[in-house]
Amino acid sequence: MTPEDIQKFSLEIEELVYMKDIPYIDAVVMYCEQTGFEIETAAKLVSGVLKSKIKLEAEELHFLKKSNTSQLPL
């Protein structure tokens, strides 16, 4: 997978989140359903900022244990 593939995937996910007002995790699943991608393939394309956003979202939903880094309340 090329850096261009990763960037295109990230942009597609960001667009789904914005247009449909859905969480990042749901956007990845929806993208996979629409394109026929396997979740495992999509996982290889998640990197950088997108990975951080998904991690934060998962922590807020209690899917992951919160990291030790301090976070200011919103």
C-alpha atoms as a PDB file:
ATOM      1  CA  MET A   1       0.000   0.000   0.000  1.00  0.00           C
ATOM      2  CA  THR A   2       1.333   3.340  -1.027  1.00  0.00           C
ATOM      3  CA  PRO A   3       1.236   6.596   0.927  1.00  0.00           C
ATOM      4  CA  GLU A   4      -1.271   7.822  -1.646  1.00  0.00           C
ATOM      5  CA  ASP A   5      -3.582   4.894  -0.809  1.00  0.00           C
ATOM      6  CA  ILE A   6      -3.350   5.717   2.889  1.00  0.00           C
ATOM      7  CA  GLN A   7      -4.043   9.397   2.277  1.00  0.00           C
ATOM      8  CA  LYS A   8      -7.008   8.650  -0.012  1.00  0.00           C
ATOM      9  CA  PHE A   9      -8.458   6.247   2.560  1.00  0.00           C
ATOM     10  CA  SER A  10      -8.102   8.845   5.343  1.00  0.00           C
ATOM     11  CA  LEU A  11      -9.812  11.492   3.239  1.00  0.00           C
ATOM     12  CA  GLU A  12     -12.677   9.135   2.402  1.00  0.00           C
ATOM     13  CA  ILE A  13     -13.182   8.342   6.099  1.00  0.00           C
ATOM     14  CA  GLU A  14     -13.050  12.022   7.074  1.00  0.00           C
ATOM     15  CA  GLU A  15     -15.638  12.792   4.400  1.00  0.00           C
ATOM     16  CA  LEU A  16     -17.978  10.069   5.675  1.00  0.00           C
ATOM     17  CA  VAL A  17     -17.639  11.334   9.250  1.00  0.00           C
ATOM     18  CA  TYR A  18     -18.400  14.892   8.159  1.00  0.00           C
ATOM     19  CA  MET A  19     -21.202  14.178   5.672  1.00  0.00           C
ATOM     20  CA  LYS A  20     -23.051  11.526   7.681  1.00  0.00           C
ATOM     21  CA  ASP A  21     -22.202  12.829  11.173  1.00  0.00           C
ATOM     22  CA  ILE A  22     -21.079   9.401  12.349  1.00  0.00           C
ATOM     23  CA  PRO A  23     -18.170   8.217  14.524  1.00  0.00           C
ATOM     24  CA  TYR A  24     -14.859   7.297  12.892  1.00  0.00           C
ATOM     25  CA  ILE A  25     -15.216   3.623  13.769  1.00  0.00           C
ATOM     26  CA  ASP A  26     -18.605   3.479  12.067  1.00  0.00           C
ATOM     27  CA  ALA A  27     -17.222   5.352   9.066  1.00  0.00           C
ATOM     28  CA  VAL A  28     -14.502   2.737   8.584  1.00  0.00           C
ATOM     29  CA  VAL A  29     -17.056  -0.078   8.778  1.00  0.00           C
ATOM     30  CA  MET A  30     -19.402   1.741   6.374  1.00  0.00           C
ATOM     31  CA  TYR A  31     -16.543   2.353   3.936  1.00  0.00           C
ATOM     32  CA  CYS A  32     -15.655  -1.339   4.003  1.00  0.00           C
ATOM     33  CA  GLU A  33     -19.262  -2.361   3.387  1.00  0.00           C
ATOM     34  CA  GLN A  34     -19.625   0.084   0.484  1.00  0.00           C
ATOM     35  CA  THR A  35     -16.346  -0.814  -1.212  1.00  0.00           C
ATOM     36  CA  GLY A  36     -16.070  -4.507  -0.378  1.00  0.00           C
ATOM     37  CA  PHE A  37     -12.840  -3.940   1.573  1.00  0.00           C
ATOM     38  CA  GLU A  38     -12.055  -6.415   4.310  1.00  0.00           C
ATOM     39  CA  ILE A  39     -11.770  -4.814   7.759  1.00  0.00           C
ATOM     40  CA  GLU A  40      -8.267  -6.272   8.020  1.00  0.00           C
ATOM     41  CA  THR A  41      -7.246  -4.465   4.825  1.00  0.00           C
ATOM     42  CA  ALA A  42      -8.700  -1.194   6.058  1.00  0.00           C
ATOM     43  CA  ALA A  43      -6.814  -1.574   9.347  1.00  0.00           C
ATOM     44  CA  LYS A  44      -3.545  -1.474   7.399  1.00  0.00           C
ATOM     45  CA  LEU A  45      -4.593   1.870   5.886  1.00  0.00           C
ATOM     46  CA  VAL A  46      -5.347   3.549   9.230  1.00  0.00           C
ATOM     47  CA  SER A  47      -2.399   5.662  10.308  1.00  0.00           C
ATOM     48  CA  GLY A  48      -1.383   8.963  11.831  1.00  0.00           C
ATOM     49  CA  VAL A  49      -4.117  11.402  12.719  1.00  0.00           C
ATOM     50  CA  LEU A  50      -6.899   9.001  11.775  1.00  0.00           C
ATOM     51  CA  LYS A  51      -5.510   6.368  14.145  1.00  0.00           C
ATOM     52  CA  SER A  52      -5.373   8.939  16.944  1.00  0.00           C
ATOM     53  CA  LYS A  53      -8.970  10.001  16.343  1.00  0.00           C
ATOM     54  CA  ILE A  54     -10.202   6.406  16.369  1.00  0.00           C
ATOM     55  CA  LYS A  55      -8.236   5.685  19.551  1.00  0.00           C
ATOM     56  CA  LEU A  56      -9.655   8.732  21.327  1.00  0.00           C
ATOM     57  CA  GLU A  57     -13.157   7.836  20.207  1.00  0.00           C
ATOM     58  CA  ALA A  58     -12.728   4.247  21.427  1.00  0.00           C
ATOM     59  CA  GLU A  59     -11.489   5.486  24.814  1.00  0.00           C
ATOM     60  CA  GLU A  60     -14.496   7.806  25.168  1.00  0.00           C
ATOM     61  CA  LEU A  61     -16.828   4.890  24.362  1.00  0.00           C
ATOM     62  CA  HIS A  62     -14.951   2.698  26.879  1.00  0.00           C
ATOM     63  CA  PHE A  63     -13.888   0.266  24.143  1.00  0.00           C
ATOM     64  CA  LEU A  64     -10.271   0.905  25.196  1.00  0.00           C
ATOM     65  CA  LYS A  65      -8.776   1.732  28.538  1.00  0.00           C
ATOM     66  CA  LYS A  66      -7.923   5.424  28.702  1.00  0.00           C
ATOM     67  CA  SER A  67      -4.267   6.194  28.193  1.00  0.00           C
ATOM     68  CA  ASN A  68      -2.218   7.856  30.914  1.00  0.00           C
ATOM     69  CA  THR A  69      -1.896  11.094  28.983  1.00  0.00           C
ATOM     70  CA  SER A  70      -3.759  14.007  30.455  1.00  0.00           C
ATOM     71  CA  GLN A  71      -6.702  15.357  28.526  1.00  0.00           C
ATOM     72  CA  LEU A  72      -8.541  18.553  29.307  1.00  0.00           C
ATOM     73  CA  PRO A  73     -12.320  18.197  29.547  1.00  0.00           C
ATOM     74  CA  LEU A  74     -14.307  19.798  26.746  1.00  0.00           C
END
